[in-house]
């Protein structure tokens, strides 16, 4: 009996791991669709990107707002985890900062649609914004500090100020397919370099 109990526990853990993987696949697909087409991207497009049926999406996320909020949180966590990973990958701190900022730009393009979705829930939006700042300002600070310590960038820039500047450069990207937010942000990040 113990053996079958252990097998059942293993099966439950395996199902939970599969469910987490499936949810991550859905959220990655939704994020990509939102970056490409905005938060109004059709669910069928998200399902096709994820390789699942539309019913699977609705089972996980009954409303579009549920999906958008889940994508928002998923992208915040991905950005938060990416900063230290990029620094540890062995590239220069400035290159890690640049790569992280590109991820942040993708997140911001998706995030712009969130305000419209949560228009009637200002407390919910404020809680998400606080979560965003709590998770990402320290990561950006770590990247800036590493690049400054390596002598690659100026030392007088605060993470929050940089993130606001990047955010301002991303405004309009969701409604104009010809607007190159990454290109403009790339110029900003290149401008942080210290002349040797």
N, C-alpha and C. Protein backbone atom coordinates (compact mmCIF):
# COMPACT_ATOMS: atom_id res chain seq x y z
N UNK A 1 0.81 -1.20 0.00
CA UNK A 1 0.00 0.00 0.00
C UNK A 1 0.85 1.25 0.00
N UNK A 2 1.95 1.24 0.72
CA UNK A 2 2.84 2.38 0.72
C UNK A 2 3.35 2.70 -0.68
N UNK A 3 3.64 1.65 -1.42
CA UNK A 3 4.18 1.85 -2.77
C UNK A 3 3.16 2.58 -3.64
N UNK A 4 1.88 2.14 -3.60
CA UNK A 4 0.88 2.82 -4.42
C UNK A 4 0.65 4.24 -3.94
N UNK A 5 0.74 4.48 -2.62
CA UNK A 5 0.59 5.84 -2.10
C UNK A 5 1.70 6.73 -2.60
N UNK A 6 2.92 6.20 -2.65
CA UNK A 6 4.04 7.00 -3.17
C UNK A 6 3.84 7.32 -4.63
N UNK A 7 3.36 6.32 -5.37
CA UNK A 7 3.12 6.55 -6.80
C UNK A 7 2.06 7.61 -7.02
N UNK A 8 1.01 7.59 -6.18
CA UNK A 8 -0.05 8.59 -6.32
C UNK A 8 0.50 9.98 -6.03
N UNK A 9 1.34 10.08 -5.00
CA UNK A 9 1.95 11.38 -4.69
C UNK A 9 2.82 11.87 -5.84
N UNK A 10 3.58 10.96 -6.42
CA UNK A 10 4.43 11.32 -7.55
C UNK A 10 3.58 11.78 -8.74
N UNK A 11 2.46 11.08 -8.97
CA UNK A 11 1.57 11.45 -10.08
C UNK A 11 0.97 12.83 -9.87
N UNK A 12 0.61 13.15 -8.62
CA UNK A 12 0.05 14.47 -8.30
C UNK A 12 1.10 15.55 -8.53
N UNK A 13 2.34 15.29 -8.05
CA UNK A 13 3.42 16.27 -8.26
C UNK A 13 3.68 16.46 -9.75
N UNK A 14 3.65 15.37 -10.49
CA UNK A 14 3.90 15.43 -11.93
C UNK A 14 2.80 16.24 -12.63
N UNK A 15 1.55 16.02 -12.22
CA UNK A 15 0.44 16.79 -12.80
C UNK A 15 0.58 18.27 -12.47
N UNK A 16 0.98 18.59 -11.23
CA UNK A 16 1.17 19.99 -10.85
C UNK A 16 2.28 20.62 -11.68
N UNK A 17 3.36 19.90 -11.87
CA UNK A 17 4.47 20.41 -12.69
C UNK A 17 4.00 20.63 -14.12
N UNK A 18 3.22 19.68 -14.64
CA UNK A 18 2.67 19.84 -16.00
C UNK A 18 1.76 21.05 -16.07
N UNK A 19 0.92 21.23 -15.06
CA UNK A 19 0.00 22.37 -15.04
C UNK A 19 0.78 23.69 -15.01
N UNK A 20 1.85 23.75 -14.21
CA UNK A 20 2.68 24.97 -14.17
C UNK A 20 3.35 25.23 -15.52
N UNK A 21 3.86 24.17 -16.13
CA UNK A 21 4.48 24.30 -17.46
C UNK A 21 3.45 24.78 -18.48
N UNK A 22 2.26 24.19 -18.45
CA UNK A 22 1.21 24.59 -19.39
C UNK A 22 0.81 26.05 -19.18
N UNK A 23 0.69 26.45 -17.92
CA UNK A 23 0.33 27.84 -17.65
C UNK A 23 1.43 28.78 -18.13
N UNK A 24 2.69 28.41 -17.90
CA UNK A 24 3.81 29.24 -18.38
C UNK A 24 3.77 29.34 -19.90
N UNK A 25 3.51 28.24 -20.58
CA UNK A 25 3.41 28.26 -22.05
C UNK A 25 2.30 29.20 -22.50
N UNK A 26 1.15 29.12 -21.83
CA UNK A 26 0.03 30.01 -22.16
C UNK A 26 0.41 31.48 -21.94
N UNK A 27 1.04 31.76 -20.81
CA UNK A 27 1.39 33.14 -20.49
C UNK A 27 2.46 33.68 -21.43
N UNK A 28 3.43 32.84 -21.78
CA UNK A 28 4.44 33.26 -22.77
C UNK A 28 3.79 33.57 -24.11
N UNK A 29 2.86 32.71 -24.53
CA UNK A 29 2.17 32.91 -25.81
C UNK A 29 1.31 34.16 -25.77
N UNK A 30 0.61 34.38 -24.66
CA UNK A 30 -0.22 35.58 -24.53
C UNK A 30 0.64 36.84 -24.53
N UNK A 31 1.77 36.79 -23.82
CA UNK A 31 2.67 37.95 -23.79
C UNK A 31 3.17 38.28 -25.20
N UNK A 32 3.57 37.26 -25.94
CA UNK A 32 4.05 37.48 -27.32
C UNK A 32 2.93 38.05 -28.19
N UNK A 33 1.72 37.55 -28.03
CA UNK A 33 0.59 38.06 -28.81
C UNK A 33 0.28 39.51 -28.42
N UNK A 34 0.37 39.82 -27.12
CA UNK A 34 0.10 41.19 -26.68
C UNK A 34 1.15 42.15 -27.19
N UNK A 35 2.42 41.72 -27.20
CA UNK A 35 3.48 42.58 -27.73
C UNK A 35 3.26 42.83 -29.22
N UNK A 36 2.86 41.78 -29.94
CA UNK A 36 2.66 41.89 -31.39
C UNK A 36 1.38 42.63 -31.76
N UNK A 37 0.29 42.39 -31.00
CA UNK A 37 -1.02 42.89 -31.42
C UNK A 37 -1.79 43.67 -30.36
N UNK A 38 -1.21 43.88 -29.19
CA UNK A 38 -1.92 44.58 -28.13
C UNK A 38 -2.74 43.63 -27.29
N UNK A 39 -3.29 44.15 -26.19
CA UNK A 39 -4.01 43.29 -25.24
C UNK A 39 -5.36 42.81 -25.79
N UNK A 40 -5.77 43.34 -26.91
CA UNK A 40 -7.01 42.87 -27.54
C UNK A 40 -6.75 41.75 -28.54
N UNK A 41 -5.54 41.20 -28.55
CA UNK A 41 -5.22 40.08 -29.45
C UNK A 41 -6.27 38.98 -29.28
N UNK A 42 -6.76 38.41 -30.38
CA UNK A 42 -7.78 37.37 -30.28
C UNK A 42 -7.27 36.15 -29.49
N UNK A 43 -8.16 35.58 -28.69
CA UNK A 43 -7.82 34.40 -27.90
C UNK A 43 -7.39 33.26 -28.82
N UNK A 44 -7.99 33.15 -29.98
CA UNK A 44 -7.61 32.06 -30.90
C UNK A 44 -6.15 32.21 -31.34
N UNK A 45 -5.66 33.45 -31.47
CA UNK A 45 -4.25 33.65 -31.82
C UNK A 45 -3.34 33.21 -30.68
N UNK A 46 -3.75 33.52 -29.46
CA UNK A 46 -2.97 33.10 -28.29
C UNK A 46 -2.95 31.58 -28.19
N UNK A 47 -4.12 30.97 -28.39
CA UNK A 47 -4.22 29.50 -28.33
C UNK A 47 -3.33 28.87 -29.40
N UNK A 48 -3.33 29.43 -30.60
CA UNK A 48 -2.49 28.89 -31.67
C UNK A 48 -1.01 29.01 -31.32
N UNK A 49 -0.60 30.14 -30.77
CA UNK A 49 0.80 30.32 -30.36
C UNK A 49 1.19 29.31 -29.28
N UNK A 50 0.25 29.03 -28.38
CA UNK A 50 0.53 28.11 -27.26
C UNK A 50 0.36 26.66 -27.65
N UNK A 51 -0.28 26.40 -28.80
CA UNK A 51 -0.52 25.03 -29.22
C UNK A 51 -1.60 24.33 -28.40
N UNK A 52 -2.59 25.12 -27.96
CA UNK A 52 -3.69 24.55 -27.16
C UNK A 52 -5.02 25.01 -27.75
N UNK A 53 -6.10 24.42 -27.26
CA UNK A 53 -7.42 24.87 -27.65
C UNK A 53 -7.84 26.09 -26.86
N UNK A 54 -8.81 26.83 -27.39
CA UNK A 54 -9.28 28.03 -26.70
C UNK A 54 -9.88 27.70 -25.34
N UNK A 55 -10.51 26.52 -25.22
CA UNK A 55 -11.09 26.10 -23.95
C UNK A 55 -10.06 26.02 -22.84
N UNK A 56 -8.84 25.62 -23.19
CA UNK A 56 -7.77 25.55 -22.19
C UNK A 56 -7.46 26.93 -21.63
N UNK A 57 -7.44 27.92 -22.50
CA UNK A 57 -7.17 29.29 -22.03
C UNK A 57 -8.29 29.74 -21.10
N UNK A 58 -9.55 29.54 -21.52
CA UNK A 58 -10.68 29.97 -20.68
C UNK A 58 -10.76 29.20 -19.37
N UNK A 59 -10.27 27.97 -19.35
CA UNK A 59 -10.25 27.19 -18.11
C UNK A 59 -9.27 27.82 -17.11
N UNK A 60 -8.13 28.27 -17.62
CA UNK A 60 -7.12 28.91 -16.75
C UNK A 60 -7.48 30.36 -16.44
N UNK A 61 -8.01 31.06 -17.43
CA UNK A 61 -8.26 32.50 -17.32
C UNK A 61 -9.66 32.81 -17.86
N UNK A 62 -10.67 32.79 -16.99
CA UNK A 62 -12.06 32.94 -17.46
C UNK A 62 -12.35 34.26 -18.17
N UNK A 63 -11.65 35.34 -17.81
CA UNK A 63 -11.88 36.63 -18.47
C UNK A 63 -10.58 37.16 -19.07
N UNK A 64 -10.72 38.09 -20.00
CA UNK A 64 -9.54 38.72 -20.60
C UNK A 64 -8.73 39.44 -19.52
N UNK A 65 -9.42 40.09 -18.57
CA UNK A 65 -8.72 40.79 -17.49
C UNK A 65 -7.88 39.81 -16.67
N UNK A 66 -8.42 38.61 -16.39
CA UNK A 66 -7.65 37.59 -15.66
C UNK A 66 -6.37 37.24 -16.42
N UNK A 67 -6.50 37.08 -17.73
CA UNK A 67 -5.35 36.72 -18.56
C UNK A 67 -4.33 37.85 -18.58
N UNK A 68 -4.79 39.07 -18.75
CA UNK A 68 -3.87 40.22 -18.83
C UNK A 68 -3.12 40.41 -17.51
N UNK A 69 -3.83 40.30 -16.41
CA UNK A 69 -3.18 40.44 -15.10
C UNK A 69 -2.18 39.32 -14.88
N UNK A 70 -2.54 38.10 -15.28
CA UNK A 70 -1.61 36.98 -15.14
C UNK A 70 -0.36 37.18 -16.00
N UNK A 71 -0.55 37.69 -17.23
CA UNK A 71 0.60 37.98 -18.10
C UNK A 71 1.47 39.06 -17.46
N UNK A 72 0.84 40.08 -16.92
CA UNK A 72 1.56 41.17 -16.26
C UNK A 72 2.45 40.62 -15.15
N UNK A 73 1.87 39.82 -14.27
CA UNK A 73 2.63 39.26 -13.15
C UNK A 73 3.73 38.31 -13.66
N UNK A 74 3.41 37.53 -14.67
CA UNK A 74 4.36 36.59 -15.26
C UNK A 74 5.55 37.36 -15.84
N UNK A 75 5.28 38.45 -16.52
CA UNK A 75 6.37 39.23 -17.11
C UNK A 75 7.20 39.95 -16.05
N UNK A 76 6.56 40.42 -15.00
CA UNK A 76 7.31 41.04 -13.91
C UNK A 76 8.28 40.02 -13.33
N UNK A 77 7.77 38.81 -13.07
CA UNK A 77 8.64 37.77 -12.50
C UNK A 77 9.76 37.38 -13.47
N UNK A 78 9.44 37.30 -14.76
CA UNK A 78 10.47 36.97 -15.75
C UNK A 78 11.56 38.04 -15.78
N UNK A 79 11.15 39.30 -15.72
CA UNK A 79 12.14 40.40 -15.70
C UNK A 79 12.96 40.36 -14.41
N UNK A 80 12.29 40.10 -13.31
CA UNK A 80 12.99 40.06 -12.02
C UNK A 80 14.04 38.94 -12.01
N UNK A 81 13.69 37.78 -12.54
CA UNK A 81 14.62 36.65 -12.57
C UNK A 81 15.72 36.84 -13.61
N UNK A 82 15.42 37.55 -14.68
CA UNK A 82 16.39 37.70 -15.77
C UNK A 82 17.59 38.56 -15.39
N UNK A 83 17.38 39.59 -14.57
CA UNK A 83 18.49 40.48 -14.22
C UNK A 83 19.69 39.75 -13.64
N UNK A 84 19.52 39.05 -12.52
CA UNK A 84 20.64 38.31 -11.94
C UNK A 84 21.19 37.24 -12.89
N UNK A 85 20.31 36.59 -13.65
CA UNK A 85 20.77 35.55 -14.59
C UNK A 85 21.65 36.15 -15.68
N UNK A 86 21.27 37.32 -16.18
CA UNK A 86 22.08 37.97 -17.22
C UNK A 86 23.45 38.39 -16.67
N UNK A 87 23.46 38.89 -15.43
CA UNK A 87 24.75 39.26 -14.82
C UNK A 87 25.63 38.03 -14.62
N UNK A 88 25.02 36.93 -14.25
CA UNK A 88 25.78 35.70 -13.99
C UNK A 88 26.25 35.03 -15.28
N UNK A 89 25.66 35.39 -16.41
CA UNK A 89 25.97 34.72 -17.68
C UNK A 89 27.36 35.05 -18.21
N UNK A 90 28.02 36.03 -17.61
CA UNK A 90 29.39 36.30 -17.99
C UNK A 90 29.59 37.40 -19.03
N UNK A 91 28.50 37.99 -19.52
CA UNK A 91 28.68 39.13 -20.42
C UNK A 91 29.07 40.34 -19.57
N UNK A 92 29.37 41.44 -20.21
CA UNK A 92 29.69 42.64 -19.43
C UNK A 92 28.43 43.12 -18.72
N UNK A 93 28.57 43.83 -17.60
CA UNK A 93 27.39 44.35 -16.92
C UNK A 93 26.56 45.28 -17.82
N UNK A 94 27.22 46.07 -18.67
CA UNK A 94 26.46 46.96 -19.57
C UNK A 94 25.65 46.13 -20.56
N UNK A 95 26.23 45.05 -21.08
CA UNK A 95 25.49 44.18 -22.01
C UNK A 95 24.32 43.52 -21.29
N UNK A 96 24.52 43.11 -20.04
CA UNK A 96 23.42 42.52 -19.25
C UNK A 96 22.32 43.56 -19.04
N UNK A 97 22.71 44.79 -18.74
CA UNK A 97 21.73 45.87 -18.57
C UNK A 97 20.95 46.08 -19.87
N UNK A 98 21.65 46.13 -20.98
CA UNK A 98 20.99 46.34 -22.28
C UNK A 98 20.00 45.21 -22.59
N UNK A 99 20.41 43.98 -22.34
CA UNK A 99 19.52 42.83 -22.59
C UNK A 99 18.30 42.89 -21.67
N UNK A 100 18.53 43.25 -20.42
CA UNK A 100 17.42 43.32 -19.47
C UNK A 100 16.45 44.43 -19.87
N UNK A 101 16.99 45.56 -20.29
CA UNK A 101 16.12 46.67 -20.70
C UNK A 101 15.27 46.25 -21.90
N UNK A 102 15.80 45.44 -22.82
CA UNK A 102 15.00 44.96 -23.95
C UNK A 102 13.81 44.12 -23.45
N UNK A 103 14.03 43.28 -22.45
CA UNK A 103 12.93 42.51 -21.85
C UNK A 103 11.92 43.46 -21.20
N UNK A 104 12.44 44.47 -20.54
CA UNK A 104 11.60 45.45 -19.87
C UNK A 104 10.74 46.21 -20.88
N UNK A 105 11.30 46.54 -22.04
CA UNK A 105 10.54 47.22 -23.09
C UNK A 105 9.38 46.34 -23.55
N UNK A 106 9.64 45.06 -23.79
CA UNK A 106 8.55 44.15 -24.18
C UNK A 106 7.45 44.14 -23.12
N UNK A 107 7.86 44.10 -21.87
CA UNK A 107 6.89 44.13 -20.77
C UNK A 107 6.09 45.43 -20.80
N UNK A 108 6.75 46.56 -20.99
CA UNK A 108 6.06 47.85 -20.96
C UNK A 108 5.06 47.99 -22.10
N UNK A 109 5.40 47.48 -23.27
CA UNK A 109 4.47 47.54 -24.39
C UNK A 109 3.19 46.78 -24.04
N UNK A 110 3.32 45.64 -23.38
CA UNK A 110 2.16 44.87 -22.94
C UNK A 110 1.42 45.61 -21.84
N UNK A 111 2.15 46.20 -20.91
CA UNK A 111 1.58 46.84 -19.73
C UNK A 111 0.68 48.02 -20.10
N UNK A 112 0.96 48.70 -21.20
CA UNK A 112 0.16 49.89 -21.53
C UNK A 112 -1.32 49.56 -21.70
N UNK A 113 -1.65 48.36 -22.12
CA UNK A 113 -3.05 47.99 -22.26
C UNK A 113 -3.73 47.66 -20.95
N UNK A 114 -2.93 47.47 -19.91
CA UNK A 114 -3.49 47.06 -18.63
C UNK A 114 -4.36 48.14 -18.02
N UNK A 115 -3.96 49.39 -18.14
CA UNK A 115 -4.72 50.48 -17.53
C UNK A 115 -6.15 50.51 -18.04
N UNK A 116 -6.33 50.30 -19.34
CA UNK A 116 -7.68 50.31 -19.90
C UNK A 116 -8.50 49.15 -19.37
N UNK A 117 -7.88 48.00 -19.21
CA UNK A 117 -8.60 46.82 -18.72
C UNK A 117 -9.03 47.01 -17.27
N UNK A 118 -8.18 47.64 -16.47
CA UNK A 118 -8.46 47.80 -15.04
C UNK A 118 -9.05 49.18 -14.71
N UNK A 119 -9.53 49.88 -15.69
CA UNK A 119 -10.02 51.25 -15.50
C UNK A 119 -10.97 51.35 -14.29
N UNK A 120 -11.83 50.37 -14.12
CA UNK A 120 -12.80 50.45 -13.04
C UNK A 120 -12.25 49.95 -11.70
N UNK A 121 -11.01 49.47 -11.69
CA UNK A 121 -10.43 48.91 -10.47
C UNK A 121 -9.11 49.61 -10.16
N UNK A 122 -9.20 50.88 -9.74
CA UNK A 122 -7.97 51.64 -9.51
C UNK A 122 -7.14 51.06 -8.38
N UNK A 123 -7.80 50.49 -7.35
CA UNK A 123 -7.04 49.88 -6.25
C UNK A 123 -6.26 48.67 -6.75
N UNK A 124 -6.88 47.88 -7.62
CA UNK A 124 -6.19 46.73 -8.19
C UNK A 124 -5.01 47.15 -9.04
N UNK A 125 -5.18 48.20 -9.82
CA UNK A 125 -4.09 48.70 -10.66
C UNK A 125 -2.96 49.23 -9.80
N UNK A 126 -3.30 49.98 -8.73
CA UNK A 126 -2.26 50.51 -7.85
C UNK A 126 -1.49 49.39 -7.15
N UNK A 127 -2.19 48.33 -6.77
CA UNK A 127 -1.51 47.19 -6.13
C UNK A 127 -0.55 46.52 -7.11
N UNK A 128 -0.97 46.37 -8.37
CA UNK A 128 -0.08 45.78 -9.38
C UNK A 128 1.12 46.68 -9.65
N UNK A 129 0.89 47.99 -9.67
CA UNK A 129 1.99 48.93 -9.92
C UNK A 129 3.01 48.87 -8.76
N UNK A 130 2.52 48.80 -7.53
CA UNK A 130 3.41 48.68 -6.38
C UNK A 130 4.21 47.38 -6.45
N UNK A 131 3.55 46.30 -6.83
CA UNK A 131 4.22 45.00 -7.01
C UNK A 131 5.33 45.12 -8.06
N UNK A 132 5.02 45.76 -9.18
CA UNK A 132 5.97 45.99 -10.26
C UNK A 132 7.20 46.74 -9.75
N UNK A 133 6.99 47.83 -9.02
CA UNK A 133 8.12 48.61 -8.50
C UNK A 133 8.92 47.81 -7.48
N UNK A 134 8.23 47.12 -6.57
CA UNK A 134 8.93 46.34 -5.54
C UNK A 134 9.81 45.25 -6.14
N UNK A 135 9.37 44.65 -7.23
CA UNK A 135 10.13 43.56 -7.85
C UNK A 135 11.22 44.05 -8.79
N UNK A 136 10.96 45.13 -9.56
CA UNK A 136 11.88 45.48 -10.64
C UNK A 136 12.87 46.59 -10.34
N UNK A 137 12.53 47.53 -9.47
CA UNK A 137 13.50 48.59 -9.16
C UNK A 137 14.78 48.01 -8.55
N UNK A 138 14.70 47.06 -7.61
CA UNK A 138 15.95 46.48 -7.08
C UNK A 138 16.78 45.75 -8.15
N UNK A 139 16.12 45.10 -9.10
CA UNK A 139 16.85 44.39 -10.15
C UNK A 139 17.56 45.39 -11.05
N UNK A 140 16.86 46.44 -11.44
CA UNK A 140 17.50 47.47 -12.27
C UNK A 140 18.64 48.13 -11.51
N UNK A 141 18.46 48.36 -10.22
CA UNK A 141 19.53 48.94 -9.38
C UNK A 141 20.76 48.03 -9.39
N UNK A 142 20.53 46.73 -9.24
CA UNK A 142 21.64 45.77 -9.25
C UNK A 142 22.41 45.84 -10.58
N UNK A 143 21.69 45.91 -11.69
CA UNK A 143 22.33 45.98 -13.01
C UNK A 143 23.10 47.29 -13.18
N UNK A 144 22.49 48.40 -12.78
CA UNK A 144 23.17 49.70 -12.87
C UNK A 144 24.41 49.74 -11.99
N UNK A 145 24.28 49.23 -10.76
CA UNK A 145 25.42 49.23 -9.84
C UNK A 145 26.57 48.39 -10.39
N UNK A 146 26.25 47.24 -11.00
CA UNK A 146 27.30 46.38 -11.55
C UNK A 146 28.00 47.07 -12.72
N UNK A 147 27.22 47.71 -13.59
CA UNK A 147 27.82 48.40 -14.74
C UNK A 147 28.63 49.61 -14.29
N UNK A 148 28.16 50.33 -13.27
CA UNK A 148 28.91 51.48 -12.74
C UNK A 148 30.19 51.01 -12.06
N UNK A 149 30.12 49.93 -11.29
CA UNK A 149 31.31 49.40 -10.60
C UNK A 149 32.36 48.93 -11.60
N UNK A 150 31.91 48.46 -12.76
CA UNK A 150 32.83 48.01 -13.81
C UNK A 150 33.38 49.20 -14.60
N UNK A 151 32.93 50.41 -14.29
CA UNK A 151 33.40 51.60 -14.99
C UNK A 151 32.82 51.75 -16.38
N UNK A 152 31.71 51.06 -16.66
CA UNK A 152 31.13 51.08 -18.00
C UNK A 152 30.12 52.21 -18.20
N UNK A 153 29.46 52.63 -17.12
CA UNK A 153 28.44 53.67 -17.24
C UNK A 153 28.64 54.72 -16.16
N UNK A 154 27.98 55.84 -16.34
CA UNK A 154 28.01 56.90 -15.33
C UNK A 154 27.40 56.37 -14.04
N UNK A 155 27.73 57.01 -12.93
CA UNK A 155 27.34 56.48 -11.62
C UNK A 155 26.18 57.24 -10.98
N UNK A 156 25.67 58.27 -11.64
CA UNK A 156 24.69 59.14 -10.98
C UNK A 156 23.24 58.88 -11.39
N UNK A 157 22.96 57.74 -11.98
CA UNK A 157 21.61 57.46 -12.45
C UNK A 157 20.92 56.47 -11.52
N UNK A 158 19.72 56.82 -11.12
CA UNK A 158 18.91 55.96 -10.26
C UNK A 158 18.03 55.06 -11.12
N UNK A 159 17.80 53.84 -10.64
CA UNK A 159 17.01 52.85 -11.39
C UNK A 159 15.61 53.36 -11.70
N UNK A 160 14.95 53.95 -10.73
CA UNK A 160 13.58 54.42 -10.94
C UNK A 160 13.52 55.46 -12.06
N UNK A 161 14.51 56.36 -12.08
CA UNK A 161 14.55 57.40 -13.11
C UNK A 161 14.76 56.77 -14.49
N UNK A 162 15.68 55.82 -14.59
CA UNK A 162 15.91 55.13 -15.86
C UNK A 162 14.66 54.40 -16.31
N UNK A 163 14.02 53.69 -15.40
CA UNK A 163 12.82 52.93 -15.75
C UNK A 163 11.69 53.85 -16.21
N UNK A 164 11.55 55.01 -15.58
CA UNK A 164 10.54 55.98 -16.05
C UNK A 164 10.88 56.51 -17.43
N UNK A 165 12.16 56.78 -17.66
CA UNK A 165 12.58 57.26 -18.99
C UNK A 165 12.31 56.22 -20.06
N UNK A 166 12.62 54.97 -19.77
CA UNK A 166 12.34 53.89 -20.72
C UNK A 166 10.83 53.79 -20.94
N UNK A 167 10.07 53.89 -19.86
CA UNK A 167 8.61 53.83 -19.98
C UNK A 167 8.07 54.95 -20.86
N UNK A 168 8.60 56.13 -20.70
CA UNK A 168 8.14 57.26 -21.52
C UNK A 168 8.47 57.05 -23.00
N UNK A 169 9.61 56.44 -23.28
CA UNK A 169 9.97 56.17 -24.67
C UNK A 169 9.10 55.08 -25.30
N UNK A 170 8.46 54.28 -24.45
CA UNK A 170 7.61 53.20 -24.96
C UNK A 170 6.18 53.65 -25.24
N UNK A 171 5.80 54.82 -24.76
CA UNK A 171 4.43 55.29 -24.97
C UNK A 171 4.20 55.48 -26.47
N UNK A 172 3.14 54.91 -26.95
CA UNK A 172 2.81 55.00 -28.37
C UNK A 172 3.17 53.75 -29.15
N UNK A 173 4.04 52.91 -28.59
CA UNK A 173 4.47 51.71 -29.32
C UNK A 173 3.32 50.75 -29.55
N UNK A 174 2.37 50.71 -28.61
CA UNK A 174 1.28 49.76 -28.74
C UNK A 174 0.28 50.15 -29.82
N UNK A 175 0.28 51.42 -30.22
CA UNK A 175 -0.70 51.86 -31.21
C UNK A 175 -0.09 52.22 -32.56
N UNK A 176 1.23 52.18 -32.66
CA UNK A 176 1.91 52.53 -33.91
C UNK A 176 2.94 51.46 -34.25
N UNK A 177 2.63 50.59 -35.21
CA UNK A 177 3.55 49.49 -35.53
C UNK A 177 4.90 49.96 -36.08
N UNK A 178 4.98 51.20 -36.53
CA UNK A 178 6.24 51.72 -37.06
C UNK A 178 7.10 52.39 -35.98
N UNK A 179 6.56 52.53 -34.79
CA UNK A 179 7.29 53.16 -33.70
C UNK A 179 8.29 52.15 -33.13
N UNK A 180 9.56 52.50 -33.12
CA UNK A 180 10.61 51.59 -32.70
C UNK A 180 11.08 51.93 -31.28
N UNK A 181 10.30 51.48 -30.30
CA UNK A 181 10.64 51.77 -28.90
C UNK A 181 12.00 51.18 -28.54
N UNK A 182 12.28 49.95 -29.00
CA UNK A 182 13.56 49.32 -28.67
C UNK A 182 14.73 50.13 -29.23
N UNK A 183 14.58 50.64 -30.44
CA UNK A 183 15.64 51.45 -31.04
C UNK A 183 15.92 52.70 -30.24
N UNK A 184 14.86 53.40 -29.83
CA UNK A 184 15.03 54.62 -29.05
C UNK A 184 15.62 54.32 -27.68
N UNK A 185 15.13 53.26 -27.05
CA UNK A 185 15.65 52.88 -25.74
C UNK A 185 17.12 52.44 -25.87
N UNK A 186 17.45 51.78 -26.97
CA UNK A 186 18.84 51.40 -27.22
C UNK A 186 19.77 52.60 -27.25
N UNK A 187 19.30 53.68 -27.87
CA UNK A 187 20.09 54.93 -27.88
C UNK A 187 20.29 55.47 -26.47
N UNK A 188 19.23 55.41 -25.67
CA UNK A 188 19.32 55.85 -24.28
C UNK A 188 20.36 55.04 -23.51
N UNK A 189 20.30 53.72 -23.64
CA UNK A 189 21.22 52.86 -22.91
C UNK A 189 22.65 53.04 -23.41
N UNK A 190 22.82 53.20 -24.72
CA UNK A 190 24.17 53.47 -25.26
C UNK A 190 24.71 54.78 -24.71
N UNK A 191 23.83 55.76 -24.50
CA UNK A 191 24.23 57.07 -23.97
C UNK A 191 24.69 57.04 -22.53
N UNK A 192 24.44 55.96 -21.82
CA UNK A 192 24.90 55.83 -20.44
C UNK A 192 26.39 55.50 -20.36
N UNK A 193 26.96 55.03 -21.48
CA UNK A 193 28.36 54.59 -21.47
C UNK A 193 29.29 55.72 -21.10
N UNK A 194 30.35 55.37 -20.42
CA UNK A 194 31.40 56.30 -20.07
C UNK A 194 32.45 56.24 -21.15
N UNK A 195 32.85 57.40 -21.68
CA UNK A 195 33.89 57.43 -22.72
C UNK A 195 35.22 57.02 -22.10
N UNK A 196 35.92 56.14 -22.80
CA UNK A 196 37.23 55.67 -22.29
C UNK A 196 38.35 56.54 -22.78
